[in-house]
Amino acid sequence: FPEHARAAALDGCHAYVVGALFSVGNGYHESR
């Protein structure tokens, strides 16, 4: 969701730090 990282940036963030589960199949494409 673009607005999630944008909210961090508008709060002055210099980095967006995420722990996730991306799976074989569509996950690599989504994350990239």
PDB file of all heavy atoms in Angstrom:
ATOM      1  N   PHE A   1       0.853  -1.187   0.000  1.00  0.00           N
ATOM      2  CA  PHE A   1       0.000   0.000   0.000  1.00  0.00           C
ATOM      3  C   PHE A   1       0.889   1.238   0.000  1.00  0.00           C
ATOM      4  O   PHE A   1       1.547   1.537   1.001  1.00  0.00           O
ATOM      5  CB  PHE A   1      -0.928  -0.012   1.217  1.00  0.00           C
ATOM      6  CG  PHE A   1      -1.911  -1.141   1.191  1.00  0.00           C
ATOM      7  CD1 PHE A   1      -1.545  -2.406   1.625  1.00  0.00           C
ATOM      8  CD2 PHE A   1      -3.195  -0.946   0.690  1.00  0.00           C
ATOM      9  CE1 PHE A   1      -2.447  -3.458   1.578  1.00  0.00           C
ATOM     10  CE2 PHE A   1      -4.104  -1.992   0.644  1.00  0.00           C
ATOM     11  CZ  PHE A   1      -3.726  -3.257   1.082  1.00  0.00           C
ATOM     12  N   PRO A   2       0.941   1.971  -1.098  1.00  0.00           N
ATOM     13  CA  PRO A   2       1.860   3.110  -1.178  1.00  0.00           C
ATOM     14  C   PRO A   2       1.688   4.115  -0.054  1.00  0.00           C
ATOM     15  O   PRO A   2       2.668   4.721   0.399  1.00  0.00           O
ATOM     16  CB  PRO A   2       1.523   3.733  -2.545  1.00  0.00           C
ATOM     17  CG  PRO A   2       0.958   2.603  -3.343  1.00  0.00           C
ATOM     18  CD  PRO A   2       0.214   1.747  -2.371  1.00  0.00           C
ATOM     19  N   GLU A   3       0.461   4.281   0.413  1.00  0.00           N
ATOM     20  CA  GLU A   3       0.225   5.277   1.452  1.00  0.00           C
ATOM     21  C   GLU A   3       0.885   4.912   2.779  1.00  0.00           C
ATOM     22  O   GLU A   3       1.135   5.787   3.612  1.00  0.00           O
ATOM     23  CB  GLU A   3      -1.278   5.505   1.658  1.00  0.00           C
ATOM     24  CG  GLU A   3      -2.060   4.283   2.078  1.00  0.00           C
ATOM     25  CD  GLU A   3      -2.600   3.471   0.914  1.00  0.00           C
ATOM     26  OE1 GLU A   3      -2.063   3.583  -0.220  1.00  0.00           O
ATOM     27  OE2 GLU A   3      -3.574   2.727   1.133  1.00  0.00           O
ATOM     28  N   HIS A   4       1.184   3.630   2.989  1.00  0.00           N
ATOM     29  CA  HIS A   4       1.809   3.239   4.253  1.00  0.00           C
ATOM     30  C   HIS A   4       3.248   3.761   4.333  1.00  0.00           C
ATOM     31  O   HIS A   4       3.641   4.393   5.318  1.00  0.00           O
ATOM     32  CB  HIS A   4       1.768   1.718   4.409  1.00  0.00           C
ATOM     33  CG  HIS A   4       2.141   1.252   5.778  1.00  0.00           C
ATOM     34  ND1 HIS A   4       3.424   0.887   6.114  1.00  0.00           N
ATOM     35  CD2 HIS A   4       1.401   1.123   6.906  1.00  0.00           C
ATOM     36  CE1 HIS A   4       3.456   0.546   7.389  1.00  0.00           C
ATOM     37  NE2 HIS A   4       2.245   0.671   7.890  1.00  0.00           N
ATOM     38  N   ALA A   5       4.023   3.503   3.304  1.00  0.00           N
ATOM     39  CA  ALA A   5       5.382   4.041   3.279  1.00  0.00           C
ATOM     40  C   ALA A   5       5.370   5.561   3.162  1.00  0.00           C
ATOM     41  O   ALA A   5       6.238   6.237   3.726  1.00  0.00           O
ATOM     42  CB  ALA A   5       6.171   3.427   2.127  1.00  0.00           C
ATOM     43  N   ARG A   6       4.401   6.116   2.443  1.00  0.00           N
ATOM     44  CA  ARG A   6       4.315   7.575   2.321  1.00  0.00           C
ATOM     45  C   ARG A   6       4.062   8.210   3.678  1.00  0.00           C
ATOM     46  O   ARG A   6       4.628   9.265   3.996  1.00  0.00           O
ATOM     47  CB  ARG A   6       3.218   7.937   1.320  1.00  0.00           C
ATOM     48  CG  ARG A   6       2.941   9.431   1.167  1.00  0.00           C
ATOM     49  CD  ARG A   6       4.164  10.271   0.824  1.00  0.00           C
ATOM     50  NE  ARG A   6       4.886   9.855  -0.344  1.00  0.00           N
ATOM     51  CZ  ARG A   6       4.607  10.241  -1.589  1.00  0.00           C
ATOM     52  NH1 ARG A   6       3.589  11.028  -1.843  1.00  0.00           N
ATOM     53  NH2 ARG A   6       5.361   9.824  -2.591  1.00  0.00           N
ATOM     54  N   ALA A   7       3.209   7.595   4.508  1.00  0.00           N
ATOM     55  CA  ALA A   7       2.981   8.137   5.846  1.00  0.00           C
ATOM     56  C   ALA A   7       4.279   8.180   6.645  1.00  0.00           C
ATOM     57  O   ALA A   7       4.545   9.134   7.377  1.00  0.00           O
ATOM     58  CB  ALA A   7       1.934   7.301   6.584  1.00  0.00           C
ATOM     59  N   ALA A   8       5.114   7.148   6.495  1.00  0.00           N
ATOM     60  CA  ALA A   8       6.405   7.153   7.173  1.00  0.00           C
ATOM     61  C   ALA A   8       7.290   8.278   6.643  1.00  0.00           C
ATOM     62  O   ALA A   8       7.935   8.997   7.412  1.00  0.00           O
ATOM     63  CB  ALA A   8       7.097   5.802   6.994  1.00  0.00           C
ATOM     64  N   ALA A   9       7.322   8.431   5.330  1.00  0.00           N
ATOM     65  CA  ALA A   9       8.146   9.486   4.736  1.00  0.00           C
ATOM     66  C   ALA A   9       7.676  10.867   5.168  1.00  0.00           C
ATOM     67  O   ALA A   9       8.489  11.759   5.444  1.00  0.00           O
ATOM     68  CB  ALA A   9       8.124   9.366   3.215  1.00  0.00           C
ATOM     69  N   LEU A  10       6.370  11.051   5.237  1.00  0.00           N
ATOM     70  CA  LEU A  10       5.841  12.350   5.658  1.00  0.00           C
ATOM     71  C   LEU A  10       6.091  12.603   7.141  1.00  0.00           C
ATOM     72  O   LEU A  10       6.021  13.745   7.598  1.00  0.00           O
ATOM     73  CB  LEU A  10       4.349  12.441   5.344  1.00  0.00           C
ATOM     74  CG  LEU A  10       3.988  12.461   3.849  1.00  0.00           C
ATOM     75  CD1 LEU A  10       2.484  12.465   3.664  1.00  0.00           C
ATOM     76  CD2 LEU A  10       4.621  13.665   3.160  1.00  0.00           C
ATOM     77  N   ASP A  11       6.362  11.550   7.879  1.00  0.00           N
ATOM     78  CA  ASP A  11       6.755  11.694   9.274  1.00  0.00           C
ATOM     79  C   ASP A  11       8.264  11.898   9.408  1.00  0.00           C
ATOM     80  O   ASP A  11       8.813  11.853  10.501  1.00  0.00           O
ATOM     81  CB  ASP A  11       6.316  10.455  10.064  1.00  0.00           C
ATOM     82  CG  ASP A  11       6.396  10.649  11.566  1.00  0.00           C
ATOM     83  OD1 ASP A  11       5.947  11.702  12.056  1.00  0.00           O
ATOM     84  OD2 ASP A  11       6.915   9.753  12.256  1.00  0.00           O
ATOM     85  N   GLY A  12       8.924  12.093   8.283  1.00  0.00           N
ATOM     86  CA  GLY A  12      10.353  12.393   8.308  1.00  0.00           C
ATOM     87  C   GLY A  12      11.253  11.187   8.229  1.00  0.00           C
ATOM     88  O   GLY A  12      12.468  11.303   8.457  1.00  0.00           O
ATOM     89  N   CYS A  13      10.713  10.011   7.894  1.00  0.00           N
ATOM     90  CA  CYS A  13      11.545   8.806   7.880  1.00  0.00           C
ATOM     91  C   CYS A  13      12.521   8.813   6.707  1.00  0.00           C
ATOM     92  O   CYS A  13      12.195   9.248   5.610  1.00  0.00           O
ATOM     93  CB  CYS A  13      10.677   7.556   7.824  1.00  0.00           C
ATOM     94  SG  CYS A  13       9.837   7.218   9.383  1.00  0.00           S
ATOM     95  N   HIS A  14      13.703   8.287   6.981  1.00  0.00           N
ATOM     96  CA  HIS A  14      14.755   8.171   5.980  1.00  0.00           C
ATOM     97  C   HIS A  14      14.846   6.767   5.406  1.00  0.00           C
ATOM     98  O   HIS A  14      15.538   6.552   4.409  1.00  0.00           O
ATOM     99  CB  HIS A  14      16.108   8.534   6.610  1.00  0.00           C
ATOM    100  CG  HIS A  14      16.090   9.843   7.342  1.00  0.00           C
ATOM    101  ND1 HIS A  14      16.223   9.939   8.706  1.00  0.00           N
ATOM    102  CD2 HIS A  14      15.930  11.112   6.892  1.00  0.00           C
ATOM    103  CE1 HIS A  14      16.170  11.210   9.073  1.00  0.00           C
ATOM    104  NE2 HIS A  14      15.999  11.945   7.987  1.00  0.00           N
ATOM    105  N   ALA A  15      14.170   5.808   6.050  1.00  0.00           N
ATOM    106  CA  ALA A  15      14.173   4.423   5.591  1.00  0.00           C
ATOM    107  C   ALA A  15      12.861   3.770   5.987  1.00  0.00           C
ATOM    108  O   ALA A  15      12.246   4.126   7.002  1.00  0.00           O
ATOM    109  CB  ALA A  15      15.354   3.646   6.164  1.00  0.00           C
ATOM    110  N   TYR A  16      12.457   2.779   5.187  1.00  0.00           N
ATOM    111  CA  TYR A  16      11.243   1.989   5.404  1.00  0.00           C
ATOM    112  C   TYR A  16      11.702   0.559   5.635  1.00  0.00           C
ATOM    113  O   TYR A  16      12.306  -0.048   4.745  1.00  0.00           O
ATOM    114  CB  TYR A  16      10.352   2.119   4.167  1.00  0.00           C
ATOM    115  CG  TYR A  16       9.008   1.445   4.231  1.00  0.00           C
ATOM    116  CD1 TYR A  16       8.117   1.694   5.279  1.00  0.00           C
ATOM    117  CD2 TYR A  16       8.590   0.603   3.200  1.00  0.00           C
ATOM    118  CE1 TYR A  16       6.873   1.101   5.306  1.00  0.00           C
ATOM    119  CE2 TYR A  16       7.334   0.015   3.219  1.00  0.00           C
ATOM    120  CZ  TYR A  16       6.478   0.271   4.273  1.00  0.00           C
ATOM    121  OH  TYR A  16       5.223  -0.316   4.294  1.00  0.00           O
ATOM    122  N   VAL A  17      11.437   0.022   6.835  1.00  0.00           N
ATOM    123  CA  VAL A  17      12.054  -1.225   7.298  1.00  0.00           C
ATOM    124  C   VAL A  17      10.954  -2.255   7.540  1.00  0.00           C
ATOM    125  O   VAL A  17      10.075  -2.045   8.389  1.00  0.00           O
ATOM    126  CB  VAL A  17      12.867  -0.970   8.586  1.00  0.00           C
ATOM    127  CG1 VAL A  17      13.473  -2.261   9.098  1.00  0.00           C
ATOM    128  CG2 VAL A  17      13.956   0.077   8.324  1.00  0.00           C
ATOM    129  N   VAL A  18      11.026  -3.393   6.828  1.00  0.00           N
ATOM    130  CA  VAL A  18       9.896  -4.328   6.770  1.00  0.00           C
ATOM    131  C   VAL A  18      10.368  -5.764   6.974  1.00  0.00           C
ATOM    132  O   VAL A  18      11.306  -6.218   6.313  1.00  0.00           O
ATOM    133  CB  VAL A  18       9.179  -4.209   5.404  1.00  0.00           C
ATOM    134  CG1 VAL A  18       8.054  -5.231   5.289  1.00  0.00           C
ATOM    135  CG2 VAL A  18       8.646  -2.785   5.197  1.00  0.00           C
ATOM    136  N   GLY A  19       9.697  -6.492   7.866  1.00  0.00           N
ATOM    137  CA  GLY A  19       9.802  -7.942   7.946  1.00  0.00           C
ATOM    138  C   GLY A  19       8.582  -8.543   7.262  1.00  0.00           C
ATOM    139  O   GLY A  19       7.468  -8.040   7.424  1.00  0.00           O
ATOM    140  N   ALA A  20       8.763  -9.639   6.513  1.00  0.00           N
ATOM    141  CA  ALA A  20       7.687 -10.091   5.640  1.00  0.00           C
ATOM    142  C   ALA A  20       7.726 -11.595   5.440  1.00  0.00           C
ATOM    143  O   ALA A  20       8.645 -12.290   5.885  1.00  0.00           O
ATOM    144  CB  ALA A  20       7.783  -9.380   4.287  1.00  0.00           C
ATOM    145  N   LEU A  21       6.683 -12.072   4.756  1.00  0.00           N
ATOM    146  CA  LEU A  21       6.680 -13.402   4.163  1.00  0.00           C
ATOM    147  C   LEU A  21       6.268 -13.249   2.708  1.00  0.00           C
ATOM    148  O   LEU A  21       5.112 -12.936   2.415  1.00  0.00           O
ATOM    149  CB  LEU A  21       5.718 -14.358   4.879  1.00  0.00           C
ATOM    150  CG  LEU A  21       5.763 -15.825   4.423  1.00  0.00           C
ATOM    151  CD1 LEU A  21       5.179 -16.736   5.494  1.00  0.00           C
ATOM    152  CD2 LEU A  21       5.008 -16.077   3.105  1.00  0.00           C
ATOM    153  N   PHE A  22       7.229 -13.425   1.812  1.00  0.00           N
ATOM    154  CA  PHE A  22       6.957 -13.490   0.378  1.00  0.00           C
ATOM    155  C   PHE A  22       7.269 -14.908  -0.077  1.00  0.00           C
ATOM    156  O   PHE A  22       8.293 -15.477   0.280  1.00  0.00           O
ATOM    157  CB  PHE A  22       7.797 -12.472  -0.395  1.00  0.00           C
ATOM    158  CG  PHE A  22       7.317 -11.059  -0.237  1.00  0.00           C
ATOM    159  CD1 PHE A  22       7.940 -10.191   0.653  1.00  0.00           C
ATOM    160  CD2 PHE A  22       6.242 -10.595  -0.979  1.00  0.00           C
ATOM    161  CE1 PHE A  22       7.498  -8.884   0.797  1.00  0.00           C
ATOM    162  CE2 PHE A  22       5.788  -9.292  -0.838  1.00  0.00           C
ATOM    163  CZ  PHE A  22       6.411  -8.434   0.059  1.00  0.00           C
ATOM    164  N   SER A  23       6.361 -15.474  -0.865  1.00  0.00           N
ATOM    165  CA  SER A  23       6.451 -16.890  -1.195  1.00  0.00           C
ATOM    166  C   SER A  23       6.896 -17.117  -2.630  1.00  0.00           C
ATOM    167  O   SER A  23       6.884 -16.205  -3.472  1.00  0.00           O
ATOM    168  CB  SER A  23       5.096 -17.565  -0.963  1.00  0.00           C
ATOM    169  OG  SER A  23       4.103 -16.980  -1.790  1.00  0.00           O
ATOM    170  N   VAL A  24       7.291 -18.360  -2.893  1.00  0.00           N
ATOM    171  CA  VAL A  24       7.600 -18.785  -4.255  1.00  0.00           C
ATOM    172  C   VAL A  24       6.337 -18.623  -5.098  1.00  0.00           C
ATOM    173  O   VAL A  24       5.231 -18.888  -4.645  1.00  0.00           O
ATOM    174  CB  VAL A  24       8.080 -20.245  -4.257  1.00  0.00           C
ATOM    175  CG1 VAL A  24       8.176 -20.796  -5.665  1.00  0.00           C
ATOM    176  CG2 VAL A  24       9.419 -20.349  -3.528  1.00  0.00           C
ATOM    177  N   GLY A  25       6.523 -18.182  -6.319  1.00  0.00           N
ATOM    178  CA  GLY A  25       5.385 -17.886  -7.184  1.00  0.00           C
ATOM    179  C   GLY A  25       5.361 -16.404  -7.462  1.00  0.00           C
ATOM    180  O   GLY A  25       6.263 -15.871  -8.098  1.00  0.00           O
ATOM    181  N   ASN A  26       4.359 -15.718  -6.909  1.00  0.00           N
ATOM    182  CA  ASN A  26       4.219 -14.291  -7.179  1.00  0.00           C
ATOM    183  C   ASN A  26       4.978 -13.416  -6.192  1.00  0.00           C
ATOM    184  O   ASN A  26       5.122 -12.218  -6.426  1.00  0.00           O
ATOM    185  CB  ASN A  26       2.732 -13.910  -7.161  1.00  0.00           C
ATOM    186  CG  ASN A  26       2.441 -12.639  -7.927  1.00  0.00           C
ATOM    187  OD1 ASN A  26       2.985 -12.435  -9.007  1.00  0.00           O
ATOM    188  ND2 ASN A  26       1.585 -11.790  -7.381  1.00  0.00           N
ATOM    189  N   GLY A  27       5.470 -13.999  -5.096  1.00  0.00           N
ATOM    190  CA  GLY A  27       6.056 -13.183  -4.044  1.00  0.00           C
ATOM    191  C   GLY A  27       7.298 -12.423  -4.469  1.00  0.00           C
ATOM    192  O   GLY A  27       7.475 -11.254  -4.106  1.00  0.00           O
ATOM    193  N   TYR A  28       8.175 -13.080  -5.221  1.00  0.00           N
ATOM    194  CA  TYR A  28       9.387 -12.389  -5.645  1.00  0.00           C
ATOM    195  C   TYR A  28       9.033 -11.197  -6.542  1.00  0.00           C
ATOM    196  O   TYR A  28       9.572 -10.094  -6.382  1.00  0.00           O
ATOM    197  CB  TYR A  28      10.326 -13.346  -6.371  1.00  0.00           C
ATOM    198  CG  TYR A  28      11.658 -12.722  -6.714  1.00  0.00           C
ATOM    199  CD1 TYR A  28      12.682 -12.676  -5.769  1.00  0.00           C
ATOM    200  CD2 TYR A  28      11.893 -12.161  -7.968  1.00  0.00           C
ATOM    201  CE1 TYR A  28      13.902 -12.087  -6.066  1.00  0.00           C
ATOM    202  CE2 TYR A  28      13.107 -11.578  -8.275  1.00  0.00           C
ATOM    203  CZ  TYR A  28      14.111 -11.541  -7.319  1.00  0.00           C
ATOM    204  OH  TYR A  28      15.307 -10.950  -7.617  1.00  0.00           O
ATOM    205  N   HIS A  29       8.103 -11.425  -7.473  1.00  0.00           N
ATOM    206  CA  HIS A  29       7.685 -10.334  -8.362  1.00  0.00           C
ATOM    207  C   HIS A  29       7.080  -9.191  -7.552  1.00  0.00           C
ATOM    208  O   HIS A  29       7.391  -8.009  -7.796  1.00  0.00           O
ATOM    209  CB  HIS A  29       6.673 -10.846  -9.380  1.00  0.00           C
ATOM    210  CG  HIS A  29       5.962  -9.757 -10.123  1.00  0.00           C
ATOM    211  ND1 HIS A  29       6.575  -8.979 -11.077  1.00  0.00           N
ATOM    212  CD2 HIS A  29       4.679  -9.288 -10.024  1.00  0.00           C
ATOM    213  CE1 HIS A  29       5.717  -8.091 -11.549  1.00  0.00           C
ATOM    214  NE2 HIS A  29       4.564  -8.249 -10.925  1.00  0.00           N
ATOM    215  N   GLU A  30       6.205  -9.509  -6.594  1.00  0.00           N
ATOM    216  CA  GLU A  30       5.589  -8.458  -5.784  1.00  0.00           C
ATOM    217  C   GLU A  30       6.643  -7.652  -5.044  1.00  0.00           C
ATOM    218  O   GLU A  30       6.628  -6.411  -5.079  1.00  0.00           O
ATOM    219  CB  GLU A  30       4.613  -9.068  -4.781  1.00  0.00           C
ATOM    220  CG  GLU A  30       3.318  -9.550  -5.385  1.00  0.00           C
ATOM    221  CD  GLU A  30       2.397 -10.163  -4.357  1.00  0.00           C
ATOM    222  OE1 GLU A  30       2.870 -10.539  -3.261  1.00  0.00           O
ATOM    223  OE2 GLU A  30       1.196 -10.277  -4.653  1.00  0.00           O
ATOM    224  N   SER A  31       7.553  -8.344  -4.369  1.00  0.00           N
ATOM    225  CA  SER A  31       8.533  -7.619  -3.566  1.00  0.00           C
ATOM    226  C   SER A  31       9.444  -6.771  -4.430  1.00  0.00           C
ATOM    227  O   SER A  31       9.839  -5.666  -4.031  1.00  0.00           O
ATOM    228  CB  SER A  31       9.349  -8.594  -2.705  1.00  0.00           C
ATOM    229  OG  SER A  31      10.155  -9.439  -3.501  1.00  0.00           O
ATOM    230  N   ARG A  32       9.780  -7.256  -5.620  1.00  0.00           N
ATOM    231  CA  ARG A  32      10.669  -6.498  -6.512  1.00  0.00           C
ATOM    232  C   ARG A  32       9.931  -5.391  -7.250  1.00  0.00           C
ATOM    233  O   ARG A  32      10.557  -4.546  -7.904  1.00  0.00           O
ATOM    234  CB  ARG A  32      11.359  -7.432  -7.497  1.00  0.00           C
ATOM    235  CG  ARG A  32      12.706  -7.947  -6.994  1.00  0.00           C
ATOM    236  CD  ARG A  32      12.594  -8.550  -5.627  1.00  0.00           C
ATOM    237  NE  ARG A  32      13.876  -8.751  -4.984  1.00  0.00           N
ATOM    238  CZ  ARG A  32      14.022  -9.199  -3.743  1.00  0.00           C
ATOM    239  NH1 ARG A  32      12.976  -9.501  -3.005  1.00  0.00           N
ATOM    240  NH2 ARG A  32      15.198  -9.351  -3.206  1.00  0.00           N
TER     241      ARG A  32
END
